[in-house]
Amino acid sequence: MTVHPVVYTSYEDFEDGKLTAEKPRAKIPTMIDALMKQVGG
């Protein structure tokens, strides 16, 4: 299964185990919506 938008991250995007980079954080809600449509949620 492929979900778009793809969210790429690296170790630099995390601080103390939490995602801190704004660019990937901004894509997460759209990615979750696309995933939910694919799995029927």
PDB file of N, CA and C in Angstrom:
ATOM      1  N   MET A   1       0.854  -1.173   0.000  1.00  0.00           N
ATOM      2  CA  MET A   1       0.000   0.000   0.000  1.00  0.00           C
ATOM      3  C   MET A   1       0.893   1.227   0.000  1.00  0.00           C
ATOM      4  N   THR A   2       0.546   2.196  -0.812  1.00  0.00           N
ATOM      5  CA  THR A   2       1.259   3.470  -0.842  1.00  0.00           C
ATOM      6  C   THR A   2       0.289   4.567  -0.455  1.00  0.00           C
ATOM      7  N   VAL A   3       0.728   5.435   0.416  1.00  0.00           N
ATOM      8  CA  VAL A   3      -0.099   6.559   0.861  1.00  0.00           C
ATOM      9  C   VAL A   3       0.612   7.847   0.473  1.00  0.00           C
ATOM     10  N   HIS A   4      -0.118   8.718  -0.206  1.00  0.00           N
ATOM     11  CA  HIS A   4       0.449  10.011  -0.592  1.00  0.00           C
ATOM     12  C   HIS A   4      -0.275  11.097   0.167  1.00  0.00           C
ATOM     13  N   PRO A   5       0.344  12.140   0.644  1.00  0.00           N
ATOM     14  CA  PRO A   5       1.747  12.444   0.401  1.00  0.00           C
ATOM     15  C   PRO A   5       2.664  11.569   1.245  1.00  0.00           C
ATOM     16  N   VAL A   6       3.815  11.282   0.668  1.00  0.00           N
ATOM     17  CA  VAL A   6       4.844  10.551   1.387  1.00  0.00           C
ATOM     18  C   VAL A   6       5.518  11.528   2.341  1.00  0.00           C
ATOM     19  N   VAL A   7       5.782  11.100   3.548  1.00  0.00           N
ATOM     20  CA  VAL A   7       6.427  11.953   4.548  1.00  0.00           C
ATOM     21  C   VAL A   7       7.814  11.395   4.831  1.00  0.00           C
ATOM     22  N   TYR A   8       8.823  12.124   4.403  1.00  0.00           N
ATOM     23  CA  TYR A   8      10.200  11.713   4.639  1.00  0.00           C
ATOM     24  C   TYR A   8      10.744  12.414   5.875  1.00  0.00           C
ATOM     25  N   THR A   9      11.437  11.662   6.703  1.00  0.00           N
ATOM     26  CA  THR A   9      12.072  12.240   7.886  1.00  0.00           C
ATOM     27  C   THR A   9      13.478  11.676   8.026  1.00  0.00           C
ATOM     28  N   SER A  10      14.258  12.331   8.841  1.00  0.00           N
ATOM     29  CA  SER A  10      15.599  11.846   9.173  1.00  0.00           C
ATOM     30  C   SER A  10      15.806  12.048  10.669  1.00  0.00           C
ATOM     31  N   TYR A  11      16.936  11.577  11.158  1.00  0.00           N
ATOM     32  CA  TYR A  11      17.225  11.717  12.588  1.00  0.00           C
ATOM     33  C   TYR A  11      17.208  13.178  13.029  1.00  0.00           C
ATOM     34  N   GLU A  12      17.569  14.089  12.119  1.00  0.00           N
ATOM     35  CA  GLU A  12      17.607  15.511  12.476  1.00  0.00           C
ATOM     36  C   GLU A  12      16.215  16.093  12.722  1.00  0.00           C
ATOM     37  N   ASP A  13      15.177  15.400  12.248  1.00  0.00           N
ATOM     38  CA  ASP A  13      13.802  15.881  12.398  1.00  0.00           C
ATOM     39  C   ASP A  13      13.212  15.571  13.774  1.00  0.00           C
ATOM     40  N   PHE A  14      13.971  14.854  14.599  1.00  0.00           N
ATOM     41  CA  PHE A  14      13.476  14.434  15.909  1.00  0.00           C
ATOM     42  C   PHE A  14      14.321  15.024  17.024  1.00  0.00           C
ATOM     43  N   GLU A  15      13.672  15.319  18.128  1.00  0.00           N
ATOM     44  CA  GLU A  15      14.355  15.797  19.330  1.00  0.00           C
ATOM     45  C   GLU A  15      13.716  15.103  20.522  1.00  0.00           C
ATOM     46  N   ASP A  16      14.511  14.431  21.295  1.00  0.00           N
ATOM     47  CA  ASP A  16      14.018  13.680  22.461  1.00  0.00           C
ATOM     48  C   ASP A  16      12.908  12.697  22.083  1.00  0.00           C
ATOM     49  N   GLY A  17      13.052  12.059  20.908  1.00  0.00           N
ATOM     50  CA  GLY A  17      12.080  11.063  20.473  1.00  0.00           C
ATOM     51  C   GLY A  17      10.798  11.622  19.891  1.00  0.00           C
ATOM     52  N   LYS A  18      10.705  12.936  19.717  1.00  0.00           N
ATOM     53  CA  LYS A  18       9.500  13.559  19.178  1.00  0.00           C
ATOM     54  C   LYS A  18       9.816  14.256  17.862  1.00  0.00           C
ATOM     55  N   LEU A  19       8.892  14.164  16.912  1.00  0.00           N
ATOM     56  CA  LEU A  19       9.044  14.816  15.625  1.00  0.00           C
ATOM     57  C   LEU A  19       8.912  16.324  15.814  1.00  0.00           C
ATOM     58  N   THR A  20       9.967  17.060  15.475  1.00  0.00           N
ATOM     59  CA  THR A  20       9.959  18.500  15.684  1.00  0.00           C
ATOM     60  C   THR A  20      10.009  19.301  14.380  1.00  0.00           C
ATOM     61  N   ALA A  21      10.360  18.684  13.269  1.00  0.00           N
ATOM     62  CA  ALA A  21      10.474  19.397  11.996  1.00  0.00           C
ATOM     63  C   ALA A  21       9.083  19.757  11.466  1.00  0.00           C
ATOM     64  N   GLU A  22       8.921  20.996  11.057  1.00  0.00           N
ATOM     65  CA  GLU A  22       7.604  21.483  10.636  1.00  0.00           C
ATOM     66  C   GLU A  22       7.130  20.887   9.311  1.00  0.00           C
ATOM     67  N   LYS A  23       8.021  20.710   8.343  1.00  0.00           N
ATOM     68  CA  LYS A  23       7.598  20.231   7.023  1.00  0.00           C
ATOM     69  C   LYS A  23       6.943  18.850   7.106  1.00  0.00           C
ATOM     70  N   PRO A  24       7.568  17.849   7.726  1.00  0.00           N
ATOM     71  CA  PRO A  24       6.876  16.554   7.822  1.00  0.00           C
ATOM     72  C   PRO A  24       5.644  16.605   8.732  1.00  0.00           C
ATOM     73  N   ARG A  25       5.696  17.405   9.796  1.00  0.00           N
ATOM     74  CA  ARG A  25       4.532  17.516  10.694  1.00  0.00           C
ATOM     75  C   ARG A  25       3.332  18.072   9.942  1.00  0.00           C
ATOM     76  N   ALA A  26       3.558  18.995   9.017  1.00  0.00           N
ATOM     77  CA  ALA A  26       2.466  19.603   8.260  1.00  0.00           C
ATOM     78  C   ALA A  26       1.814  18.600   7.310  1.00  0.00           C
ATOM     79  N   LYS A  27       2.562  17.588   6.853  1.00  0.00           N
ATOM     80  CA  LYS A  27       2.020  16.607   5.912  1.00  0.00           C
ATOM     81  C   LYS A  27       1.265  15.467   6.598  1.00  0.00           C
ATOM     82  N   ILE A  28       1.460  15.276   7.867  1.00  0.00           N
ATOM     83  CA  ILE A  28       0.880  14.131   8.565  1.00  0.00           C
ATOM     84  C   ILE A  28      -0.649  14.104   8.512  1.00  0.00           C
ATOM     85  N   PRO A  29      -1.360  15.196   8.781  1.00  0.00           N
ATOM     86  CA  PRO A  29      -2.832  15.124   8.714  1.00  0.00           C
ATOM     87  C   PRO A  29      -3.353  14.706   7.332  1.00  0.00           C
ATOM     88  N   THR A  30      -2.733  15.211   6.266  1.00  0.00           N
ATOM     89  CA  THR A  30      -3.141  14.842   4.910  1.00  0.00           C
ATOM     90  C   THR A  30      -2.854  13.370   4.650  1.00  0.00           C
ATOM     91  N   MET A  31      -1.703  12.892   5.125  1.00  0.00           N
ATOM     92  CA  MET A  31      -1.340  11.495   4.955  1.00  0.00           C
ATOM     93  C   MET A  31      -2.324  10.592   5.707  1.00  0.00           C
ATOM     94  N   ILE A  32      -2.713  10.966   6.899  1.00  0.00           N
ATOM     95  CA  ILE A  32      -3.661  10.169   7.683  1.00  0.00           C
ATOM     96  C   ILE A  32      -5.023  10.124   6.992  1.00  0.00           C
ATOM     97  N   ASP A  33      -5.478  11.252   6.467  1.00  0.00           N
ATOM     98  CA  ASP A  33      -6.755  11.271   5.738  1.00  0.00           C
ATOM     99  C   ASP A  33      -6.714  10.331   4.536  1.00  0.00           C
ATOM    100  N   ALA A  34      -5.608  10.354   3.780  1.00  0.00           N
ATOM    101  CA  ALA A  34      -5.469   9.489   2.610  1.00  0.00           C
ATOM    102  C   ALA A  34      -5.452   8.015   3.045  1.00  0.00           C
ATOM    103  N   LEU A  35      -4.772   7.713   4.127  1.00  0.00           N
ATOM    104  CA  LEU A  35      -4.715   6.348   4.632  1.00  0.00           C
ATOM    105  C   LEU A  35      -6.106   5.862   5.056  1.00  0.00           C
ATOM    106  N   MET A  36      -6.831   6.703   5.751  1.00  0.00           N
ATOM    107  CA  MET A  36      -8.168   6.321   6.217  1.00  0.00           C
ATOM    108  C   MET A  36      -9.104   6.050   5.028  1.00  0.00           C
ATOM    109  N   LYS A  37      -8.972   6.785   3.942  1.00  0.00           N
ATOM    110  CA  LYS A  37      -9.794   6.551   2.754  1.00  0.00           C
ATOM    111  C   LYS A  37      -9.457   5.191   2.152  1.00  0.00           C
ATOM    112  N   GLN A  38      -8.179   4.813   2.167  1.00  0.00           N
ATOM    113  CA  GLN A  38      -7.760   3.536   1.584  1.00  0.00           C
ATOM    114  C   GLN A  38      -8.208   2.350   2.425  1.00  0.00           C
ATOM    115  N   VAL A  39      -8.231   2.499   3.735  1.00  0.00           N
ATOM    116  CA  VAL A  39      -8.604   1.361   4.599  1.00  0.00           C
ATOM    117  C   VAL A  39     -10.089   1.371   4.959  1.00  0.00           C
ATOM    118  N   GLY A  40     -10.795   2.378   4.480  1.00  0.00           N
ATOM    119  CA  GLY A  40     -12.232   2.403   4.699  1.00  0.00           C
ATOM    120  C   GLY A  40     -12.664   2.977   6.037  1.00  0.00           C
ATOM    121  N   GLY A  41     -11.857   3.858   6.600  1.00  0.00           N
ATOM    122  CA  GLY A  41     -12.193   4.404   7.910  1.00  0.00           C
ATOM    123  C   GLY A  41     -12.840   5.733   7.884  1.00  0.00           C
TER     124      GLY A  41
END
